[in-house]
């Protein structure tokens, strides 16, 4: 007699194949790790911008750095002289005077602009009548040309203001302050603040409107006055906007040019000559390589200031 084995005999445990949750189904092709493809439109937009930036910014800068190592006057022949221009700049009292004035002007104007702009922003953010119309009036100086504004104020400081001062017996203002070596910088600061304040005010208004009204309501319930609310609530909450205005303002005022040209032309003497004016005057006065070395030094100083500002921001943990 023969015996047959059971058809439904179970498979021994040792011969079972356990499928993991991540493994593909039996009979399906293996999974491939696909990378996200970059849209070709991205390259069509990026490459032309990079090419234009390299051609109009990077390449001229490199050419300027090269000629700063020569005695090139902007025309004619030239020869390589190494770091002679850079050494002479640190010995030139006129260049050092322009650096002192530029940094003094940038620091003073930054402080005044931010104080004035914050005060205007607080007023425009309050619940007052005709707020929209008043905002429009305050923002008009921002859209005007700096050179045109400076010529207008030049006439006011040189003609209108002295006549009014003489009529009312204000002897110190009877002559134009633009001709006074000790007072000319005040006129430049005033005109710069008049034009730069609207831009900073817009940023402060954006910061003030981002502060929840519930914060002030809670402060009122706690009995905090207006000054205490400003110092303990408003100022800390808009600190990031304050940092933005300080950084943008200081770096912008370092390159001031048009307003000084329209008001004083760098005078009286060289009392109000900025570094930018000094550099541009060299480009057209046969002093190309010397002032190009000055421009390189000024760029490095500005870059160093920017890095220091960013480091200070990171240490304070301010989010922009």
Protein backbone atom coordinates (compact mmCIF):
# COMPACT_ATOMS: atom_id res chain seq x y z
CA UNK A 1 0.00 0.00 0.00
CA UNK A 2 1.25 3.36 -0.89
CA UNK A 3 0.60 6.61 1.02
CA UNK A 4 0.22 10.11 -0.47
CA UNK A 5 1.37 13.25 1.20
CA UNK A 6 -1.10 15.95 2.19
CA UNK A 7 -1.49 18.63 -0.42
CA UNK A 8 -2.09 21.37 2.19
CA UNK A 9 1.06 20.68 4.14
CA UNK A 10 2.35 23.88 5.76
CA UNK A 11 5.62 25.36 4.75
CA UNK A 12 8.31 25.10 7.40
CA UNK A 13 9.06 28.36 9.21
CA UNK A 14 12.63 28.31 7.99
CA UNK A 15 11.51 28.62 4.38
CA UNK A 16 9.10 31.60 4.84
CA UNK A 17 9.91 34.98 3.27
CA UNK A 18 8.81 37.92 5.41
CA UNK A 19 8.16 41.14 3.49
CA UNK A 20 9.06 44.42 5.19
CA UNK A 21 6.81 47.43 5.08
CA UNK A 22 9.25 49.37 2.86
CA UNK A 23 9.96 46.62 0.36
CA UNK A 24 8.14 46.74 -3.02
CA UNK A 25 5.47 44.18 -3.85
CA UNK A 26 6.53 40.87 -5.31
CA UNK A 27 7.09 41.11 -9.01
CA UNK A 28 7.34 44.93 -9.14
CA UNK A 29 10.51 46.74 -10.32
CA UNK A 30 12.84 48.19 -7.64
CA UNK A 31 12.18 51.71 -6.43
CA UNK A 32 14.43 54.46 -7.77
CA UNK A 33 15.39 57.57 -5.84
CA UNK A 34 14.19 60.39 -8.05
CA UNK A 35 15.60 63.90 -7.68
CA UNK A 36 13.46 66.97 -8.07
CA UNK A 37 14.21 68.45 -11.45
CA UNK A 38 14.87 72.18 -11.65
CA UNK A 39 12.55 74.04 -13.95
CA UNK A 40 14.51 75.31 -16.99
CA UNK A 41 12.78 78.68 -16.52
CA UNK A 42 14.91 79.16 -13.43
CA UNK A 43 18.09 79.08 -15.51
CA UNK A 44 16.59 81.31 -18.20
CA UNK A 45 15.98 83.94 -15.50
CA UNK A 46 19.17 83.47 -13.47
CA UNK A 47 21.85 83.26 -16.16
CA UNK A 48 21.08 86.61 -17.87
CA UNK A 49 21.04 88.39 -14.50
CA UNK A 50 24.38 86.87 -13.52
CA UNK A 51 25.86 87.75 -16.90
CA UNK A 52 24.70 91.37 -16.67
CA UNK A 53 25.95 91.67 -13.08
CA UNK A 54 29.34 90.24 -14.01
CA UNK A 55 29.69 92.46 -17.08
CA UNK A 56 28.54 95.76 -15.56
CA UNK A 57 29.61 95.34 -11.90
CA UNK A 58 32.21 92.63 -11.33
CA UNK A 59 34.34 93.20 -14.43
CA UNK A 60 34.63 97.02 -14.02
CA UNK A 61 35.47 96.53 -10.35
CA UNK A 62 38.28 94.13 -11.19
CA UNK A 63 39.58 96.51 -13.86
CA UNK A 64 39.54 99.33 -11.32
CA UNK A 65 41.44 97.26 -8.77
CA UNK A 66 44.07 96.53 -11.43
CA UNK A 67 44.51 100.18 -12.40
CA UNK A 68 44.78 101.15 -8.72
CA UNK A 69 48.16 99.41 -8.85
CA UNK A 70 49.33 101.63 -11.70
CA UNK A 71 49.94 105.33 -12.35
CA UNK A 72 47.15 105.53 -14.94
CA UNK A 73 45.71 109.05 -15.19
CA UNK A 74 42.57 108.02 -17.04
CA UNK A 75 44.16 108.52 -20.44
CA UNK A 76 47.49 107.85 -22.13
CA UNK A 77 50.17 105.38 -21.06
CA UNK A 78 50.60 103.80 -17.66
CA UNK A 79 52.99 101.61 -15.75
CA UNK A 80 52.73 99.26 -12.80
CA UNK A 81 53.72 100.88 -9.46
CA UNK A 82 52.41 98.35 -6.93
CA UNK A 83 50.96 99.62 -3.64
CA UNK A 84 52.33 103.15 -3.95
CA UNK A 85 48.86 104.70 -4.35
CA UNK A 86 47.56 102.91 -1.25
CA UNK A 87 50.51 104.07 0.85
CA UNK A 88 50.13 107.68 -0.30
CA UNK A 89 46.43 107.73 0.56
CA UNK A 90 47.15 107.14 4.24
CA UNK A 91 49.56 110.10 4.14
CA UNK A 92 47.19 112.48 2.35
CA UNK A 93 45.56 114.90 4.84
CA UNK A 94 42.84 115.87 2.34
CA UNK A 95 41.73 112.24 1.99
CA UNK A 96 41.79 111.71 5.74
CA UNK A 97 39.70 114.87 6.21
CA UNK A 98 37.10 113.55 3.77
CA UNK A 99 36.91 110.28 5.70
CA UNK A 100 36.43 112.10 9.00
CA UNK A 101 33.67 114.28 7.60
CA UNK A 102 31.91 111.35 5.89
CA UNK A 103 31.77 109.17 8.99
CA UNK A 104 30.77 112.09 11.20
CA UNK A 105 28.03 113.05 8.78
CA UNK A 106 26.78 109.45 8.37
CA UNK A 107 26.65 108.85 12.12
CA UNK A 108 24.95 112.15 12.94
CA UNK A 109 22.42 111.88 10.12
CA UNK A 110 21.56 108.27 11.00
CA UNK A 111 20.72 109.24 14.56
CA UNK A 112 18.67 112.30 13.57
CA UNK A 113 16.80 110.49 10.77
CA UNK A 114 15.76 107.61 13.02
CA UNK A 115 14.64 109.89 15.86
CA UNK A 116 12.60 112.10 13.51
CA UNK A 117 11.19 109.17 11.52
CA UNK A 118 10.13 107.25 14.61
CA UNK A 119 8.42 110.33 16.03
CA UNK A 120 6.56 110.92 12.75
CA UNK A 121 5.60 107.25 12.52
CA UNK A 122 4.17 107.30 16.04
CA UNK A 123 2.11 110.36 15.17
CA UNK A 124 0.87 108.97 11.85
CA UNK A 125 0.01 105.65 13.47
CA UNK A 126 -2.24 107.32 16.04
CA UNK A 127 -5.96 107.67 15.51
CA UNK A 128 -6.07 111.19 14.09
CA UNK A 129 -8.21 112.90 11.47
CA UNK A 130 -7.05 113.06 7.85
CA UNK A 131 -4.35 110.52 8.61
CA UNK A 132 -4.11 109.32 5.00
CA UNK A 133 -3.74 112.84 3.61
CA UNK A 134 -1.10 113.77 6.16
CA UNK A 135 0.87 110.61 5.33
CA UNK A 136 0.89 111.62 1.67
CA UNK A 137 2.30 115.04 2.51
CA UNK A 138 5.07 113.56 4.64
CA UNK A 139 6.11 111.13 1.89
CA UNK A 140 6.45 113.73 -0.89
CA UNK A 141 10.19 114.45 -0.24
CA UNK A 142 11.03 110.80 -0.90
CA UNK A 143 10.01 110.99 -4.58
CA UNK A 144 11.93 114.19 -5.36
CA UNK A 145 15.38 114.25 -6.90
CA UNK A 146 18.12 114.83 -4.33
CA UNK A 147 19.98 117.17 -6.67
CA UNK A 148 16.90 119.33 -7.33
CA UNK A 149 16.08 119.43 -3.61
CA UNK A 150 19.61 120.51 -2.76
CA UNK A 151 19.53 123.36 -5.31
CA UNK A 152 16.22 124.59 -3.91
CA UNK A 153 17.56 124.56 -0.34
CA UNK A 154 20.76 126.22 -1.55
CA UNK A 155 18.68 129.18 -2.66
CA UNK A 156 16.76 129.20 0.62
CA UNK A 157 19.90 129.09 2.77
CA UNK A 158 21.76 131.65 0.65
CA UNK A 159 18.98 134.17 -0.03
CA UNK A 160 15.64 133.70 1.72
CA UNK A 161 16.87 132.75 5.17
CA UNK A 162 19.46 135.59 5.48
CA UNK A 163 16.86 138.18 4.40
CA UNK A 164 14.34 136.94 6.97
CA UNK A 165 17.01 136.74 9.67
CA UNK A 166 18.13 140.30 9.01
CA UNK A 167 14.54 141.55 9.08
CA UNK A 168 13.86 139.93 12.45
CA UNK A 169 17.24 140.92 13.91
CA UNK A 170 18.79 137.44 13.99
CA UNK A 171 22.35 138.51 13.29
CA UNK A 172 24.02 135.03 13.35
CA UNK A 173 21.73 133.88 10.52
CA UNK A 174 22.01 137.07 8.46
CA UNK A 175 24.72 135.44 6.33
CA UNK A 176 24.48 132.11 4.54
CA UNK A 177 25.48 129.17 6.72
CA UNK A 178 26.70 127.42 3.57
CA UNK A 179 29.65 129.81 3.54
CA UNK A 180 30.55 129.03 7.15
CA UNK A 181 33.05 126.19 7.61
CA UNK A 182 31.66 125.40 11.07
CA UNK A 183 27.95 125.47 10.15
CA UNK A 184 27.75 124.22 6.57
CA UNK A 185 27.48 120.58 7.68
CA UNK A 186 24.30 121.42 9.62
CA UNK A 187 22.57 122.48 6.41
CA UNK A 188 23.61 119.23 4.73
CA UNK A 189 22.29 117.18 7.64
CA UNK A 190 18.97 119.06 7.67
CA UNK A 191 18.34 118.60 3.95
CA UNK A 192 19.37 114.93 4.08
CA UNK A 193 17.05 114.29 7.01
CA UNK A 194 14.21 116.10 5.20
CA UNK A 195 14.52 113.74 2.23
CA UNK A 196 15.50 110.49 3.98
CA UNK A 197 12.99 110.57 6.83
CA UNK A 198 9.95 109.44 4.76
CA UNK A 199 11.60 106.19 3.73
CA UNK A 200 12.50 105.32 7.29
CA UNK A 201 9.02 106.37 8.42
CA UNK A 202 7.42 103.81 6.11
CA UNK A 203 9.48 101.04 7.69
CA UNK A 204 8.59 102.20 11.20
CA UNK A 205 4.90 102.37 10.28
CA UNK A 206 5.06 98.78 9.09
CA UNK A 207 6.61 97.80 12.42
CA UNK A 208 4.09 99.72 14.50
CA UNK A 209 1.15 98.22 12.63
CA UNK A 210 2.51 94.73 13.24
CA UNK A 211 2.23 95.19 17.03
CA UNK A 212 -1.07 93.70 18.30
CA UNK A 213 -3.45 96.20 19.86
CA UNK A 214 -4.11 93.75 22.70
CA UNK A 215 -0.61 94.45 23.99
CA UNK A 216 -1.42 98.11 24.59
CA UNK A 217 -4.82 97.28 26.03
CA UNK A 218 -3.17 95.02 28.60
CA UNK A 219 -0.63 97.75 29.38
CA UNK A 220 -3.43 100.26 29.94
CA UNK A 221 -5.11 97.88 32.36
CA UNK A 222 -1.84 97.57 34.26
CA UNK A 223 -1.60 101.35 34.54
CA UNK A 224 1.41 101.84 32.23
CA UNK A 225 1.78 105.36 30.88
CA UNK A 226 2.57 106.38 27.32
CA UNK A 227 6.33 106.69 27.89
CA UNK A 228 6.53 103.35 29.68
CA UNK A 229 4.55 101.66 26.91
CA UNK A 230 6.94 103.12 24.35
CA UNK A 231 10.14 102.07 26.15
CA UNK A 232 8.96 98.66 27.39
CA UNK A 233 6.60 97.57 24.61
CA UNK A 234 6.84 99.52 21.38
CA UNK A 235 10.60 99.89 21.13
CA UNK A 236 11.46 96.24 21.92
CA UNK A 237 8.76 94.96 19.54
CA UNK A 238 9.98 97.06 16.61
CA UNK A 239 13.67 96.57 17.33
CA UNK A 240 14.13 94.63 14.11
CA UNK A 241 12.76 97.55 12.08
CA UNK A 242 15.04 99.92 13.96
CA UNK A 243 18.04 97.78 13.04
CA UNK A 244 16.99 97.77 9.38
CA UNK A 245 16.77 101.57 9.32
CA UNK A 246 20.12 102.00 11.07
CA UNK A 247 21.93 99.63 8.70
CA UNK A 248 20.37 100.94 5.50
CA UNK A 249 20.64 104.55 6.60
CA UNK A 250 24.26 104.44 7.73
CA UNK A 251 25.49 102.65 4.61
CA UNK A 252 23.47 104.99 2.40
CA UNK A 253 24.78 108.13 4.08
CA UNK A 254 28.35 106.92 3.70
CA UNK A 255 27.94 107.37 -0.05
CA UNK A 256 26.29 110.79 0.08
CA UNK A 257 27.05 112.88 -2.97
CA UNK A 258 24.18 114.74 -4.70
CA UNK A 259 23.03 116.84 -1.74
CA UNK A 260 26.56 117.97 -0.93
CA UNK A 261 27.20 118.86 -4.58
CA UNK A 262 24.01 120.93 -4.76
CA UNK A 263 24.47 122.69 -1.42
CA UNK A 264 28.17 123.36 -0.89
CA UNK A 265 30.13 121.61 -3.64
CA UNK A 266 32.38 120.27 -0.90
CA UNK A 267 33.16 123.72 0.48
CA UNK A 268 33.84 126.08 2.02
CA UNK A 269 37.33 124.92 1.17
CA UNK A 270 37.16 121.18 1.79
CA UNK A 271 35.09 121.33 4.98
CA UNK A 272 32.18 119.31 3.58
CA UNK A 273 33.90 117.14 0.99
CA UNK A 274 32.84 113.50 1.30
CA UNK A 275 34.81 110.46 0.21
CA UNK A 276 32.48 109.93 -2.74
CA UNK A 277 33.10 113.48 -3.93
CA UNK A 278 36.82 113.00 -3.53
CA UNK A 279 36.75 109.82 -5.60
CA UNK A 280 34.62 111.27 -8.41
CA UNK A 281 36.72 114.41 -8.64
CA UNK A 282 39.79 112.24 -9.19
CA UNK A 283 38.15 110.32 -12.01
CA UNK A 284 37.68 113.50 -14.04
CA UNK A 285 40.80 115.32 -12.88
CA UNK A 286 43.54 113.06 -14.21
CA UNK A 287 43.94 111.22 -10.90
CA UNK A 288 42.22 107.99 -11.87
CA UNK A 289 44.51 105.35 -10.37
CA UNK A 290 45.01 107.24 -7.10
CA UNK A 291 41.30 107.70 -6.48
CA UNK A 292 40.61 104.14 -7.62
CA UNK A 293 42.88 102.99 -4.80
CA UNK A 294 40.88 105.27 -2.52
CA UNK A 295 37.67 103.61 -3.78
CA UNK A 296 39.04 100.14 -3.04
CA UNK A 297 39.96 101.16 0.52
CA UNK A 298 36.55 102.75 1.01
CA UNK A 299 34.82 99.61 -0.26
CA UNK A 300 36.77 97.43 2.17
CA UNK A 301 35.93 99.75 5.08
CA UNK A 302 32.24 99.72 4.16
CA UNK A 303 32.31 95.93 3.84
CA UNK A 304 33.94 95.62 7.26
CA UNK A 305 31.28 97.86 8.81
CA UNK A 306 28.53 95.75 7.23
CA UNK A 307 30.02 92.54 8.60
CA UNK A 308 30.31 94.04 12.09
CA UNK A 309 26.69 95.17 11.96
CA UNK A 310 25.51 91.71 10.94
CA UNK A 311 27.53 90.11 13.73
CA UNK A 312 26.01 92.45 16.30
CA UNK A 313 22.55 91.62 15.00
CA UNK A 314 23.19 87.88 15.26
CA UNK A 315 24.47 88.23 18.82
CA UNK A 316 21.38 90.14 19.89
CA UNK A 317 19.17 87.59 18.19
CA UNK A 318 17.20 90.16 16.24
CA UNK A 319 15.17 88.67 13.40
CA UNK A 320 14.89 90.94 10.38
